[in-house]
PDB file of N, CA and C in Angstrom:
ATOM      1  N   MET A   1       1.036  -1.229  -0.013  1.00  0.00           N
ATOM      2  CA  MET A   1       0.061  -0.122  -0.063  1.00  0.00           C
ATOM      3  C   MET A   1       0.901   1.168  -0.120  1.00  0.00           C
ATOM      4  N   ARG A   2       0.520   2.197  -0.913  1.00  0.00           N
ATOM      5  CA  ARG A   2       1.433   3.547  -1.015  1.00  0.00           C
ATOM      6  C   ARG A   2       0.689   4.592  -0.454  1.00  0.00           C
ATOM      7  N   VAL A   3       1.065   5.249   0.285  1.00  0.00           N
ATOM      8  CA  VAL A   3       0.665   6.756   0.720  1.00  0.00           C
ATOM      9  C   VAL A   3       1.371   7.702   0.180  1.00  0.00           C
ATOM     10  N   LEU A   4       0.859   9.079   0.034  1.00  0.00           N
ATOM     11  CA  LEU A   4       1.305  10.447  -0.483  1.00  0.00           C
ATOM     12  C   LEU A   4       1.235  11.150   0.643  1.00  0.00           C
ATOM     13  N   LEU A   5       2.575  11.492   1.123  1.00  0.00           N
ATOM     14  CA  LEU A   5       2.488  12.256   2.332  1.00  0.00           C
ATOM     15  C   LEU A   5       2.920  13.558   1.882  1.00  0.00           C
ATOM     16  N   VAL A   6       2.060  14.631   2.028  1.00  0.00           N
ATOM     17  CA  VAL A   6       2.488  16.098   1.656  1.00  0.00           C
ATOM     18  C   VAL A   6       2.595  17.075   3.126  1.00  0.00           C
ATOM     19  N   GLU A   7       3.763  17.321   3.337  1.00  0.00           N
ATOM     20  CA  GLU A   7       4.142  18.065   4.387  1.00  0.00           C
ATOM     21  C   GLU A   7       5.260  19.062   4.335  1.00  0.00           C
ATOM     22  N   ASP A   8       5.190  20.147   4.486  1.00  0.00           N
ATOM     23  CA  ASP A   8       6.486  20.996   4.109  1.00  0.00           C
ATOM     24  C   ASP A   8       6.970  21.397   5.667  1.00  0.00           C
ATOM     25  N   ASP A   9       6.669  20.863   6.486  1.00  0.00           N
ATOM     26  CA  ASP A   9       7.585  20.914   7.867  1.00  0.00           C
ATOM     27  C   ASP A   9       8.394  19.451   8.079  1.00  0.00           C
ATOM     28  N   GLY A  10       9.722  19.571   8.065  1.00  0.00           N
ATOM     29  CA  GLY A  10      10.660  18.599   7.877  1.00  0.00           C
ATOM     30  C   GLY A  10      10.579  17.724   9.003  1.00  0.00           C
ATOM     31  N   PRO A  11      10.636  17.978  10.304  1.00  0.00           N
ATOM     32  CA  PRO A  11      10.414  17.336  11.533  1.00  0.00           C
ATOM     33  C   PRO A  11       9.059  16.632  11.389  1.00  0.00           C
ATOM     34  N   CYS A  12       7.997  17.234  11.219  1.00  0.00           N
ATOM     35  CA  CYS A  12       6.708  16.685  11.064  1.00  0.00           C
ATOM     36  C   CYS A  12       6.469  15.570  10.188  1.00  0.00           C
ATOM     37  N   ALA A  13       7.254  15.894   8.955  1.00  0.00           N
ATOM     38  CA  ALA A  13       7.245  14.828   7.724  1.00  0.00           C
ATOM     39  C   ALA A  13       7.997  13.538   8.108  1.00  0.00           C
ATOM     40  N   GLU A  14       8.853  13.857   9.001  1.00  0.00           N
ATOM     41  CA  GLU A  14       9.798  12.710   9.150  1.00  0.00           C
ATOM     42  C   GLU A  14       8.845  11.767  10.122  1.00  0.00           C
ATOM     43  N   LEU A  15       8.331  12.281  11.116  1.00  0.00           N
ATOM     44  CA  LEU A  15       7.455  11.637  12.117  1.00  0.00           C
ATOM     45  C   LEU A  15       6.329  10.823  11.447  1.00  0.00           C
ATOM     46  N   LEU A  16       5.890  11.720  10.732  1.00  0.00           N
ATOM     47  CA  LEU A  16       4.427  10.970   9.922  1.00  0.00           C
ATOM     48  C   LEU A  16       5.012   9.953   8.921  1.00  0.00           C
ATOM     49  N   SER A  17       6.006   9.976   8.175  1.00  0.00           N
ATOM     50  CA  SER A  17       6.633   9.042   7.617  1.00  0.00           C
ATOM     51  C   SER A  17       6.916   7.657   8.261  1.00  0.00           C
ATOM     52  N   LEU A  18       7.724   7.847   9.438  1.00  0.00           N
ATOM     53  CA  LEU A  18       7.808   6.622  10.347  1.00  0.00           C
ATOM     54  C   LEU A  18       6.645   5.993  10.775  1.00  0.00           C
ATOM     55  N   ARG A  19       5.642   6.866  11.099  1.00  0.00           N
ATOM     56  CA  ARG A  19       4.346   6.194  11.737  1.00  0.00           C
ATOM     57  C   ARG A  19       3.374   5.493  10.588  1.00  0.00           C
ATOM     58  N   LEU A  20       3.652   6.020   9.370  1.00  0.00           N
ATOM     59  CA  LEU A  20       2.926   5.577   8.352  1.00  0.00           C
ATOM     60  C   LEU A  20       3.977   4.301   7.954  1.00  0.00           C
ATOM     61  N   ALA A  21       4.995   4.273   7.785  1.00  0.00           N
ATOM     62  CA  ALA A  21       5.825   2.963   7.356  1.00  0.00           C
ATOM     63  C   ALA A  21       5.461   1.992   8.641  1.00  0.00           C
ATOM     64  N   GLN A  22       5.396   2.416   9.747  1.00  0.00           N
ATOM     65  CA  GLN A  22       4.788   1.328  11.096  1.00  0.00           C
ATOM     66  C   GLN A  22       3.726   0.729  10.522  1.00  0.00           C
ATOM     67  N   LEU A  23       2.792   1.505  10.062  1.00  0.00           N
ATOM     68  CA  LEU A  23       1.429   0.757   9.644  1.00  0.00           C
ATOM     69  C   LEU A  23       1.523   0.004   8.137  1.00  0.00           C
ATOM     70  N   GLY A  24       2.582  -0.133   7.724  1.00  0.00           N
ATOM     71  CA  GLY A  24       2.751  -0.946   6.328  1.00  0.00           C
ATOM     72  C   GLY A  24       2.861  -0.236   5.344  1.00  0.00           C
ATOM     73  N   PHE A  25       2.825   0.944   5.679  1.00  0.00           N
ATOM     74  CA  PHE A  25       2.884   1.835   4.137  1.00  0.00           C
ATOM     75  C   PHE A  25       4.102   1.875   3.365  1.00  0.00           C
ATOM     76  N   GLU A  26       4.221   2.197   2.183  1.00  0.00           N
ATOM     77  CA  GLU A  26       5.252   2.459   1.377  1.00  0.00           C
ATOM     78  C   GLU A  26       4.987   4.129   1.421  1.00  0.00           C
ATOM     79  N   VAL A  27       5.880   5.089   1.768  1.00  0.00           N
ATOM     80  CA  VAL A  27       5.503   6.461   1.883  1.00  0.00           C
ATOM     81  C   VAL A  27       6.095   7.250   0.676  1.00  0.00           C
ATOM     82  N   LEU A  28       5.498   8.047   0.131  1.00  0.00           N
ATOM     83  CA  LEU A  28       6.126   9.073  -1.024  1.00  0.00           C
ATOM     84  C   LEU A  28       5.989  10.478  -0.279  1.00  0.00           C
ATOM     85  N   GLN A  29       7.043  11.133  -0.314  1.00  0.00           N
ATOM     86  CA  GLN A  29       6.982  12.307   0.256  1.00  0.00           C
ATOM     87  C   GLN A  29       6.924  13.611  -0.430  1.00  0.00           C
ATOM     88  N   ALA A  30       6.211  14.554  -0.233  1.00  0.00           N
ATOM     89  CA  ALA A  30       6.495  15.838  -1.007  1.00  0.00           C
ATOM     90  C   ALA A  30       6.280  16.946  -0.216  1.00  0.00           C
ATOM     91  N   GLN A  31       7.059  18.086  -0.343  1.00  0.00           N
ATOM     92  CA  GLN A  31       7.068  19.174   0.481  1.00  0.00           C
ATOM     93  C   GLN A  31       6.144  20.456  -0.120  1.00  0.00           C
ATOM     94  N   ASP A  32       5.728  20.274  -1.378  1.00  0.00           N
ATOM     95  CA  ASP A  32       4.854  20.957  -1.872  1.00  0.00           C
ATOM     96  C   ASP A  32       3.932  20.411  -2.740  1.00  0.00           C
ATOM     97  N   ALA A  33       2.957  21.603  -3.336  1.00  0.00           N
ATOM     98  CA  ALA A  33       2.017  21.218  -3.975  1.00  0.00           C
ATOM     99  C   ALA A  33       2.338  20.566  -5.315  1.00  0.00           C
ATOM    100  N   GLU A  34       3.322  21.079  -6.069  1.00  0.00           N
ATOM    101  CA  GLU A  34       3.821  20.866  -7.390  1.00  0.00           C
ATOM    102  C   GLU A  34       4.340  19.289  -7.310  1.00  0.00           C
ATOM    103  N   SER A  35       5.071  19.352  -6.367  1.00  0.00           N
ATOM    104  CA  SER A  35       5.948  17.848  -6.101  1.00  0.00           C
ATOM    105  C   SER A  35       4.631  16.983  -5.838  1.00  0.00           C
ATOM    106  N   ALA A  36       3.960  17.153  -5.160  1.00  0.00           N
ATOM    107  CA  ALA A  36       2.774  16.361  -4.653  1.00  0.00           C
ATOM    108  C   ALA A  36       2.284  15.815  -5.827  1.00  0.00           C
ATOM    109  N   LEU A  37       1.704  16.779  -6.813  1.00  0.00           N
ATOM    110  CA  LEU A  37       0.931  16.683  -8.124  1.00  0.00           C
ATOM    111  C   LEU A  37       1.873  15.596  -8.999  1.00  0.00           C
ATOM    112  N   ASP A  38       3.083  15.795  -9.353  1.00  0.00           N
ATOM    113  CA  ASP A  38       4.116  15.106  -9.834  1.00  0.00           C
ATOM    114  C   ASP A  38       4.197  13.569  -9.404  1.00  0.00           C
ATOM    115  N   LEU A  39       4.274  13.427  -8.242  1.00  0.00           N
ATOM    116  CA  LEU A  39       4.287  12.082  -7.647  1.00  0.00           C
ATOM    117  C   LEU A  39       3.092  11.404  -7.628  1.00  0.00           C
ATOM    118  N   ALA A  40       1.661  12.075  -7.786  1.00  0.00           N
ATOM    119  CA  ALA A  40       0.385  11.408  -7.878  1.00  0.00           C
ATOM    120  C   ALA A  40       0.253  10.858  -9.321  1.00  0.00           C
ATOM    121  N   ARG A  41       0.970  11.906 -10.521  1.00  0.00           N
ATOM    122  CA  ARG A  41       0.827  11.347 -11.916  1.00  0.00           C
ATOM    123  C   ARG A  41       1.681  10.102 -11.760  1.00  0.00           C
ATOM    124  N   GLU A  42       2.755  10.007 -11.207  1.00  0.00           N
ATOM    125  CA  GLU A  42       3.835   8.814 -11.714  1.00  0.00           C
ATOM    126  C   GLU A  42       3.679   7.662 -10.828  1.00  0.00           C
ATOM    127  N   HIS A  43       2.871   7.680  -9.742  1.00  0.00           N
ATOM    128  CA  HIS A  43       2.856   6.445  -8.875  1.00  0.00           C
ATOM    129  C   HIS A  43       1.138   6.437  -8.633  1.00  0.00           C
ATOM    130  N   PRO A  44       0.737   4.971  -8.623  1.00  0.00           N
ATOM    131  CA  PRO A  44      -0.446   4.699  -7.970  1.00  0.00           C
ATOM    132  C   PRO A  44      -0.662   4.766  -6.413  1.00  0.00           C
ATOM    133  N   LEU A  45      -1.444   5.424  -5.887  1.00  0.00           N
ATOM    134  CA  LEU A  45      -1.706   5.598  -4.533  1.00  0.00           C
ATOM    135  C   LEU A  45      -2.708   4.870  -4.108  1.00  0.00           C
ATOM    136  N   ASP A  46      -2.918   4.568  -2.705  1.00  0.00           N
ATOM    137  CA  ASP A  46      -3.883   4.121  -1.756  1.00  0.00           C
ATOM    138  C   ASP A  46      -4.282   5.025  -1.007  1.00  0.00           C
ATOM    139  N   LEU A  47      -3.420   6.194  -0.654  1.00  0.00           N
ATOM    140  CA  LEU A  47      -4.066   6.958   0.320  1.00  0.00           C
ATOM    141  C   LEU A  47      -3.366   8.367   0.160  1.00  0.00           C
ATOM    142  N   VAL A  48      -3.693   9.391   0.465  1.00  0.00           N
ATOM    143  CA  VAL A  48      -3.177  10.754   0.353  1.00  0.00           C
ATOM    144  C   VAL A  48      -3.328  11.388   1.837  1.00  0.00           C
ATOM    145  N   LEU A  49      -2.227  11.831   2.353  1.00  0.00           N
ATOM    146  CA  LEU A  49      -2.329  12.651   3.817  1.00  0.00           C
ATOM    147  C   LEU A  49      -1.604  13.963   3.616  1.00  0.00           C
ATOM    148  N   SER A  50      -2.470  14.885   3.508  1.00  0.00           N
ATOM    149  CA  SER A  50      -1.549  16.207   3.185  1.00  0.00           C
ATOM    150  C   SER A  50      -1.916  17.426   4.342  1.00  0.00           C
ATOM    151  N   ASP A  51      -0.846  18.097   4.631  1.00  0.00           N
ATOM    152  CA  ASP A  51      -1.155  19.205   5.239  1.00  0.00           C
ATOM    153  C   ASP A  51      -1.877  20.283   4.666  1.00  0.00           C
ATOM    154  N   LEU A  52      -2.751  20.948   5.265  1.00  0.00           N
ATOM    155  CA  LEU A  52      -3.758  21.932   4.676  1.00  0.00           C
ATOM    156  C   LEU A  52      -3.025  23.294   4.151  1.00  0.00           C
ATOM    157  N   LYS A  53      -2.106  23.695   5.222  1.00  0.00           N
ATOM    158  CA  LYS A  53      -1.259  24.935   4.975  1.00  0.00           C
ATOM    159  C   LYS A  53       0.042  24.521   4.315  1.00  0.00           C
ATOM    160  N   LEU A  54       0.485  24.844   3.195  1.00  0.00           N
ATOM    161  CA  LEU A  54       1.875  24.475   2.441  1.00  0.00           C
ATOM    162  C   LEU A  54       2.361  25.816   2.297  1.00  0.00           C
ATOM    163  N   GLY A  55       3.835  25.839   2.850  1.00  0.00           N
ATOM    164  CA  GLY A  55       4.522  27.091   2.429  1.00  0.00           C
ATOM    165  C   GLY A  55       3.923  28.305   2.702  1.00  0.00           C
ATOM    166  N   SER A  56       4.319  29.373   2.035  1.00  0.00           N
ATOM    167  CA  SER A  56       3.650  30.730   2.366  1.00  0.00           C
ATOM    168  C   SER A  56       2.284  30.982   1.879  1.00  0.00           C
ATOM    169  N   ASP A  57       1.828  30.288   0.927  1.00  0.00           N
ATOM    170  CA  ASP A  57       0.215  30.167   0.647  1.00  0.00           C
ATOM    171  C   ASP A  57      -0.570  29.370   1.320  1.00  0.00           C
ATOM    172  N   GLY A  58      -1.281  30.026   2.228  1.00  0.00           N
ATOM    173  CA  GLY A  58      -2.077  29.443   3.068  1.00  0.00           C
ATOM    174  C   GLY A  58      -3.404  28.632   2.626  1.00  0.00           C
ATOM    175  N   PHE A  59      -3.413  28.735   1.296  1.00  0.00           N
ATOM    176  CA  PHE A  59      -4.320  27.878   0.511  1.00  0.00           C
ATOM    177  C   PHE A  59      -3.826  26.771  -0.522  1.00  0.00           C
ATOM    178  N   ALA A  60      -2.663  26.489  -0.521  1.00  0.00           N
ATOM    179  CA  ALA A  60      -1.891  25.576  -1.563  1.00  0.00           C
ATOM    180  C   ALA A  60      -2.416  24.151  -0.869  1.00  0.00           C
ATOM    181  N   GLY A  61      -2.689  23.874   0.100  1.00  0.00           N
ATOM    182  CA  GLY A  61      -2.997  22.568   0.526  1.00  0.00           C
ATOM    183  C   GLY A  61      -4.476  22.483  -0.015  1.00  0.00           C
ATOM    184  N   GLU A  62      -5.443  23.292  -0.012  1.00  0.00           N
ATOM    185  CA  GLU A  62      -6.740  23.117  -0.397  1.00  0.00           C
ATOM    186  C   GLU A  62      -6.681  23.158  -2.067  1.00  0.00           C
ATOM    187  N   LYS A  63      -5.865  24.192  -2.771  1.00  0.00           N
ATOM    188  CA  LYS A  63      -5.995  23.935  -3.890  1.00  0.00           C
ATOM    189  C   LYS A  63      -5.215  22.484  -4.562  1.00  0.00           C
ATOM    190  N   LEU A  64      -4.285  22.128  -3.816  1.00  0.00           N
ATOM    191  CA  LEU A  64      -3.656  20.741  -4.351  1.00  0.00           C
ATOM    192  C   LEU A  64      -4.834  19.677  -4.135  1.00  0.00           C
ATOM    193  N   ILE A  65      -5.600  19.725  -3.007  1.00  0.00           N
ATOM    194  CA  ILE A  65      -6.777  18.527  -2.489  1.00  0.00           C
ATOM    195  C   ILE A  65      -7.503  18.908  -3.948  1.00  0.00           C
ATOM    196  N   ARG A  66      -8.166  19.915  -4.225  1.00  0.00           N
ATOM    197  CA  ARG A  66      -9.072  20.072  -5.413  1.00  0.00           C
ATOM    198  C   ARG A  66      -8.453  19.238  -6.852  1.00  0.00           C
ATOM    199  N   ARG A  67      -7.025  19.508  -6.830  1.00  0.00           N
ATOM    200  CA  ARG A  67      -6.504  19.050  -8.234  1.00  0.00           C
ATOM    201  C   ARG A  67      -6.104  17.591  -8.043  1.00  0.00           C
ATOM    202  N   LEU A  68      -5.752  17.075  -6.991  1.00  0.00           N
ATOM    203  CA  LEU A  68      -5.782  15.646  -6.663  1.00  0.00           C
ATOM    204  C   LEU A  68      -7.130  14.957  -7.121  1.00  0.00           C
ATOM    205  N   ARG A  69      -8.237  15.399  -6.705  1.00  0.00           N
ATOM    206  CA  ARG A  69      -9.646  14.893  -6.756  1.00  0.00           C
ATOM    207  C   ARG A  69      -9.854  14.962  -8.257  1.00  0.00           C
ATOM    208  N   GLU A  70      -9.294  15.803  -8.961  1.00  0.00           N
ATOM    209  CA  GLU A  70      -9.695  15.938 -10.446  1.00  0.00           C
ATOM    210  C   GLU A  70      -8.942  14.991 -11.251  1.00  0.00           C
ATOM    211  N   MET A  71      -7.980  14.106 -10.789  1.00  0.00           N
ATOM    212  CA  MET A  71      -7.049  13.090 -11.324  1.00  0.00           C
ATOM    213  C   MET A  71      -8.137  11.862 -11.611  1.00  0.00           C
ATOM    214  N   PRO A  72      -8.340  11.591 -12.424  1.00  0.00           N
ATOM    215  CA  PRO A  72      -8.989  10.071 -12.674  1.00  0.00           C
ATOM    216  C   PRO A  72      -8.668   8.994 -11.635  1.00  0.00           C
ATOM    217  N   ALA A  73      -7.101   8.651 -11.570  1.00  0.00           N
ATOM    218  CA  ALA A  73      -6.768   7.717 -10.896  1.00  0.00           C
ATOM    219  C   ALA A  73      -6.959   8.114  -9.138  1.00  0.00           C
ATOM    220  N   LEU A  74      -7.455   9.064  -8.956  1.00  0.00           N
ATOM    221  CA  LEU A  74      -7.523   9.507  -7.356  1.00  0.00           C
ATOM    222  C   LEU A  74      -9.118   9.572  -7.257  1.00  0.00           C
ATOM    223  N   THR A  75      -9.966   9.511  -7.924  1.00  0.00           N
ATOM    224  CA  THR A  75     -11.269   9.816  -7.567  1.00  0.00           C
ATOM    225  C   THR A  75     -11.810   8.986  -6.360  1.00  0.00           C
ATOM    226  N   SER A  76     -11.287   7.799  -6.109  1.00  0.00           N
ATOM    227  CA  SER A  76     -12.030   6.911  -5.211  1.00  0.00           C
ATOM    228  C   SER A  76     -10.792   6.719  -4.037  1.00  0.00           C
ATOM    229  N   VAL A  77      -9.507   7.502  -4.461  1.00  0.00           N
ATOM    230  CA  VAL A  77      -8.409   7.288  -3.326  1.00  0.00           C
ATOM    231  C   VAL A  77      -8.747   8.220  -1.964  1.00  0.00           C
ATOM    232  N   PRO A  78      -8.603   7.681  -0.971  1.00  0.00           N
ATOM    233  CA  PRO A  78      -9.127   8.527   0.383  1.00  0.00           C
ATOM    234  C   PRO A  78      -8.124   9.522   0.480  1.00  0.00           C
ATOM    235  N   ILE A  79      -8.506  10.805   0.963  1.00  0.00           N
ATOM    236  CA  ILE A  79      -7.741  12.011   1.123  1.00  0.00           C
ATOM    237  C   ILE A  79      -8.158  12.479   2.486  1.00  0.00           C
ATOM    238  N   LEU A  80      -6.796  12.398   3.295  1.00  0.00           N
ATOM    239  CA  LEU A  80      -6.968  12.918   4.646  1.00  0.00           C
ATOM    240  C   LEU A  80      -6.010  14.388   4.792  1.00  0.00           C
ATOM    241  N   VAL A  81      -6.808  15.230   5.718  1.00  0.00           N
ATOM    242  CA  VAL A  81      -5.963  16.548   5.832  1.00  0.00           C
ATOM    243  C   VAL A  81      -5.430  16.319   7.245  1.00  0.00           C
ATOM    244  N   HIS A  82      -4.214  17.168   7.522  1.00  0.00           N
ATOM    245  CA  HIS A  82      -3.723  17.102   8.827  1.00  0.00           C
ATOM    246  C   HIS A  82      -3.413  18.644   8.940  1.00  0.00           C
ATOM    247  N   SER A  83      -4.081  19.266  10.001  1.00  0.00           N
ATOM    248  CA  SER A  83      -3.804  20.643  10.067  1.00  0.00           C
ATOM    249  C   SER A  83      -4.098  21.186  11.405  1.00  0.00           C
ATOM    250  N   VAL A  84      -3.375  22.456  11.691  1.00  0.00           N
ATOM    251  CA  VAL A  84      -3.613  23.038  13.180  1.00  0.00           C
ATOM    252  C   VAL A  84      -4.972  23.445  13.115  1.00  0.00           C
ATOM    253  N   TYR A  85      -5.358  24.254  11.603  1.00  0.00           N
ATOM    254  CA  TYR A  85      -6.255  25.190  11.422  1.00  0.00           C
ATOM    255  C   TYR A  85      -7.677  24.312  11.276  1.00  0.00           C
ATOM    256  N   MET A  86      -7.683  23.232  11.049  1.00  0.00           N
ATOM    257  CA  MET A  86      -9.091  22.427  10.709  1.00  0.00           C
ATOM    258  C   MET A  86      -9.102  21.352  11.659  1.00  0.00           C
ATOM    259  N   HIS A  87     -10.098  21.023  12.553  1.00  0.00           N
ATOM    260  CA  HIS A  87     -10.285  19.999  13.351  1.00  0.00           C
ATOM    261  C   HIS A  87     -11.694  19.051  12.910  1.00  0.00           C
ATOM    262  N   HIS A  88     -12.303  19.363  12.313  1.00  0.00           N
ATOM    263  CA  HIS A  88     -13.548  18.769  11.545  1.00  0.00           C
ATOM    264  C   HIS A  88     -13.896  19.162  10.264  1.00  0.00           C
ATOM    265  N   LEU A  89     -14.335  18.321   9.354  1.00  0.00           N
ATOM    266  CA  LEU A  89     -14.345  19.033   7.944  1.00  0.00           C
ATOM    267  C   LEU A  89     -15.832  19.869   7.978  1.00  0.00           C
ATOM    268  N   SER A  90     -16.378  20.229   8.929  1.00  0.00           N
ATOM    269  CA  SER A  90     -17.366  21.435   9.057  1.00  0.00           C
ATOM    270  C   SER A  90     -16.489  22.458   9.209  1.00  0.00           C
ATOM    271  N   ASP A  91     -15.296  22.671   9.801  1.00  0.00           N
ATOM    272  CA  ASP A  91     -14.365  23.908   9.874  1.00  0.00           C
ATOM    273  C   ASP A  91     -14.209  24.507   8.451  1.00  0.00           C
ATOM    274  N   LEU A  92     -14.306  23.740   7.337  1.00  0.00           N
ATOM    275  CA  LEU A  92     -14.017  24.169   6.167  1.00  0.00           C
ATOM    276  C   LEU A  92     -14.811  23.535   5.182  1.00  0.00           C
ATOM    277  N   PRO A  93     -16.235  24.253   5.134  1.00  0.00           N
ATOM    278  CA  PRO A  93     -17.171  23.070   4.379  1.00  0.00           C
ATOM    279  C   PRO A  93     -17.175  23.040   2.914  1.00  0.00           C
ATOM    280  N   GLU A  94     -16.339  23.968   2.363  1.00  0.00           N
ATOM    281  CA  GLU A  94     -15.940  24.162   0.954  1.00  0.00           C
ATOM    282  C   GLU A  94     -15.156  22.911   0.386  1.00  0.00           C
ATOM    283  N   LEU A  95     -14.381  22.580   1.450  1.00  0.00           N
ATOM    284  CA  LEU A  95     -13.461  21.449   1.240  1.00  0.00           C
ATOM    285  C   LEU A  95     -13.920  20.042   1.530  1.00  0.00           C
ATOM    286  N   ALA A  96     -14.898  20.061   2.339  1.00  0.00           N
ATOM    287  CA  ALA A  96     -15.660  18.826   2.660  1.00  0.00           C
ATOM    288  C   ALA A  96     -15.963  17.723   1.594  1.00  0.00           C
ATOM    289  N   PRO A  97     -16.384  18.159   0.514  1.00  0.00           N
ATOM    290  CA  PRO A  97     -16.784  17.200  -0.800  1.00  0.00           C
ATOM    291  C   PRO A  97     -15.333  16.343  -1.352  1.00  0.00           C
ATOM    292  N   PHE A  98     -14.294  17.069  -0.792  1.00  0.00           N
ATOM    293  CA  PHE A  98     -12.932  16.586  -1.520  1.00  0.00           C
ATOM    294  C   PHE A  98     -12.223  15.923  -0.510  1.00  0.00           C
ATOM    295  N   VAL A  99     -12.751  15.770   0.907  1.00  0.00           N
ATOM    296  CA  VAL A  99     -11.654  15.264   1.757  1.00  0.00           C
ATOM    297  C   VAL A  99     -12.731  14.151   2.461  1.00  0.00           C
ATOM    298  N   ASP A 100     -11.709  12.955   2.970  1.00  0.00           N
ATOM    299  CA  ASP A 100     -12.521  11.982   3.490  1.00  0.00           C
ATOM    300  C   ASP A 100     -12.310  11.839   5.128  1.00  0.00           C
ATOM    301  N   GLY A 101     -11.337  12.713   5.484  1.00  0.00           N
ATOM    302  CA  GLY A 101     -11.143  12.797   7.006  1.00  0.00           C
ATOM    303  C   GLY A 101     -10.209  13.971   7.397  1.00  0.00           C
ATOM    304  N   VAL A 102     -10.133  14.402   8.602  1.00  0.00           N
ATOM    305  CA  VAL A 102      -9.373  15.399   9.151  1.00  0.00           C
ATOM    306  C   VAL A 102      -8.574  14.864  10.574  1.00  0.00           C
ATOM    307  N   LEU A 103      -7.212  15.100  10.534  1.00  0.00           N
ATOM    308  CA  LEU A 103      -6.439  14.781  11.576  1.00  0.00           C
ATOM    309  C   LEU A 103      -5.894  16.062  12.181  1.00  0.00           C
ATOM    310  N   PRO A 104      -6.486  16.551  13.447  1.00  0.00           N
ATOM    311  CA  PRO A 104      -6.102  17.957  13.966  1.00  0.00           C
ATOM    312  C   PRO A 104      -4.506  17.719  14.493  1.00  0.00           C
ATOM    313  N   LYS A 105      -3.839  18.882  14.275  1.00  0.00           N
ATOM    314  CA  LYS A 105      -2.557  18.666  14.925  1.00  0.00           C
ATOM    315  C   LYS A 105      -2.647  19.629  16.374  1.00  0.00           C
ATOM    316  N   PRO A 106      -1.783  18.949  17.342  1.00  0.00           N
ATOM    317  CA  PRO A 106      -1.151  17.970  17.454  1.00  0.00           C
ATOM    318  C   PRO A 106      -2.082  16.784  17.512  1.00  0.00           C
ATOM    319  N   PHE A 107      -1.318  15.626  17.354  1.00  0.00           N
ATOM    320  CA  PHE A 107      -2.276  14.453  17.207  1.00  0.00           C
ATOM    321  C   PHE A 107      -1.224  13.194  17.878  1.00  0.00           C
ATOM    322  N   ALA A 108      -1.996  12.204  18.060  1.00  0.00           N
ATOM    323  CA  ALA A 108      -1.442  11.094  18.964  1.00  0.00           C
ATOM    324  C   ALA A 108      -1.544   9.887  17.711  1.00  0.00           C
ATOM    325  N   PHE A 109      -0.547   8.885  17.937  1.00  0.00           N
ATOM    326  CA  PHE A 109      -0.483   7.894  16.694  1.00  0.00           C
ATOM    327  C   PHE A 109      -1.698   7.095  16.626  1.00  0.00           C
ATOM    328  N   LYS A 110      -2.550   6.907  18.121  1.00  0.00           N
ATOM    329  CA  LYS A 110      -3.406   6.164  17.672  1.00  0.00           C
ATOM    330  C   LYS A 110      -4.772   6.920  16.736  1.00  0.00           C
ATOM    331  N   GLN A 111      -4.550   8.284  17.026  1.00  0.00           N
ATOM    332  CA  GLN A 111      -5.658   9.111  16.170  1.00  0.00           C
ATOM    333  C   GLN A 111      -5.498   8.776  14.644  1.00  0.00           C
ATOM    334  N   LEU A 112      -3.947   8.973  14.334  1.00  0.00           N
ATOM    335  CA  LEU A 112      -3.663   8.698  13.200  1.00  0.00           C
ATOM    336  C   LEU A 112      -4.446   7.166  12.504  1.00  0.00           C
ATOM    337  N   ARG A 113      -3.860   6.301  13.165  1.00  0.00           N
ATOM    338  CA  ARG A 113      -4.181   4.869  13.083  1.00  0.00           C
ATOM    339  C   ARG A 113      -5.655   4.548  12.686  1.00  0.00           C
ATOM    340  N   ALA A 114      -6.471   5.451  13.770  1.00  0.00           N
ATOM    341  CA  ALA A 114      -7.850   5.293  13.613  1.00  0.00           C
ATOM    342  C   ALA A 114      -8.559   5.896  12.292  1.00  0.00           C
ATOM    343  N   LEU A 115      -7.973   6.977  12.105  1.00  0.00           N
ATOM    344  CA  LEU A 115      -8.450   7.898  10.960  1.00  0.00           C
ATOM    345  C   LEU A 115      -8.382   7.178   9.559  1.00  0.00           C
ATOM    346  N   ILE A 116      -6.914   6.528   9.767  1.00  0.00           N
ATOM    347  CA  ILE A 116      -6.662   5.770   8.303  1.00  0.00           C
ATOM    348  C   ILE A 116      -7.531   4.386   8.542  1.00  0.00           C
ATOM    349  N   ALA A 117      -7.813   3.794   9.468  1.00  0.00           N
ATOM    350  CA  ALA A 117      -8.693   2.656   9.572  1.00  0.00           C
ATOM    351  C   ALA A 117     -10.128   2.955   9.246  1.00  0.00           C
ATOM    352  N   ASP A 118     -10.412   4.110   9.366  1.00  0.00           N
ATOM    353  CA  ASP A 118     -11.763   4.586   9.160  1.00  0.00           C
ATOM    354  C   ASP A 118     -12.180   4.597   7.598  1.00  0.00           C
ATOM    355  N   VAL A 119     -10.937   4.998   6.795  1.00  0.00           N
ATOM    356  CA  VAL A 119     -11.308   5.108   5.415  1.00  0.00           C
ATOM    357  C   VAL A 119     -10.457   3.931   4.709  1.00  0.00           C
ATOM    358  N   LEU A 120      -9.680   3.301   5.116  1.00  0.00           N
ATOM    359  CA  LEU A 120      -8.707   2.104   4.662  1.00  0.00           C
ATOM    360  C   LEU A 120      -8.503   1.116   5.412  1.00  0.00           C
ATOM    361  N   PRO A 121      -9.184  -0.162   5.274  1.00  0.00           N
ATOM    362  CA  PRO A 121      -8.753  -1.168   6.117  1.00  0.00           C
ATOM    363  C   PRO A 121      -7.281  -1.366   6.354  1.00  0.00           C
ATOM    364  N   LEU A 122      -6.728  -1.445   7.840  1.00  0.00           N
ATOM    365  CA  LEU A 122      -5.347  -1.336   8.038  1.00  0.00           C
ATOM    366  C   LEU A 122      -4.793  -2.725   7.594  1.00  0.00           C
ATOM    367  N   SER A 123      -5.602  -3.846   7.549  1.00  0.00           N
ATOM    368  CA  SER A 123      -5.025  -5.324   7.325  1.00  0.00           C
ATOM    369  C   SER A 123      -4.686  -5.269   5.804  1.00  0.00           C
ATOM    370  N   GLN A 124      -5.064  -4.233   4.863  1.00  0.00           N
ATOM    371  CA  GLN A 124      -4.534  -4.057   3.551  1.00  0.00           C
ATOM    372  C   GLN A 124      -3.156  -3.522   3.744  1.00  0.00           C
ATOM    373  N   ALA A 125      -2.868  -2.935   4.756  1.00  0.00           N
ATOM    374  CA  ALA A 125      -1.846  -1.937   4.651  1.00  0.00           C
ATOM    375  C   ALA A 125      -0.546  -2.838   5.091  1.00  0.00           C
ATOM    376  N   SER A 126      -0.804  -4.140   5.680  1.00  0.00           N
ATOM    377  CA  SER A 126       0.091  -4.863   6.228  1.00  0.00           C
ATOM    378  C   SER A 126       0.852  -5.633   5.360  1.00  0.00           C
TER     379      SER A 126
END
């Protein structure tokens, strides 16, 4: 199982990558929206986990999620958002149709695992 992790904060990306690998995922990492789109075009994905705020553009994550959803190969791939700014899908209703779940920062490993299990059986990742 392959996950695209989009996170521009190095230490957070490292921690998330480690945790996702512990769940059995092959992790592809991108630090910005363009790199994420390139990876999504080049590799089949089973899950996307993206920060909502990327770089200096506060809406880059939102734009990325919309563009990922437009890709035919990703229409049914779960997209999860992790963010300090969003705790529930209702916090950003215009994004809700494109996102399958929200992981508020800071979070515990069990929250990450539970959210992924809600959208993708973890037995598939092992």
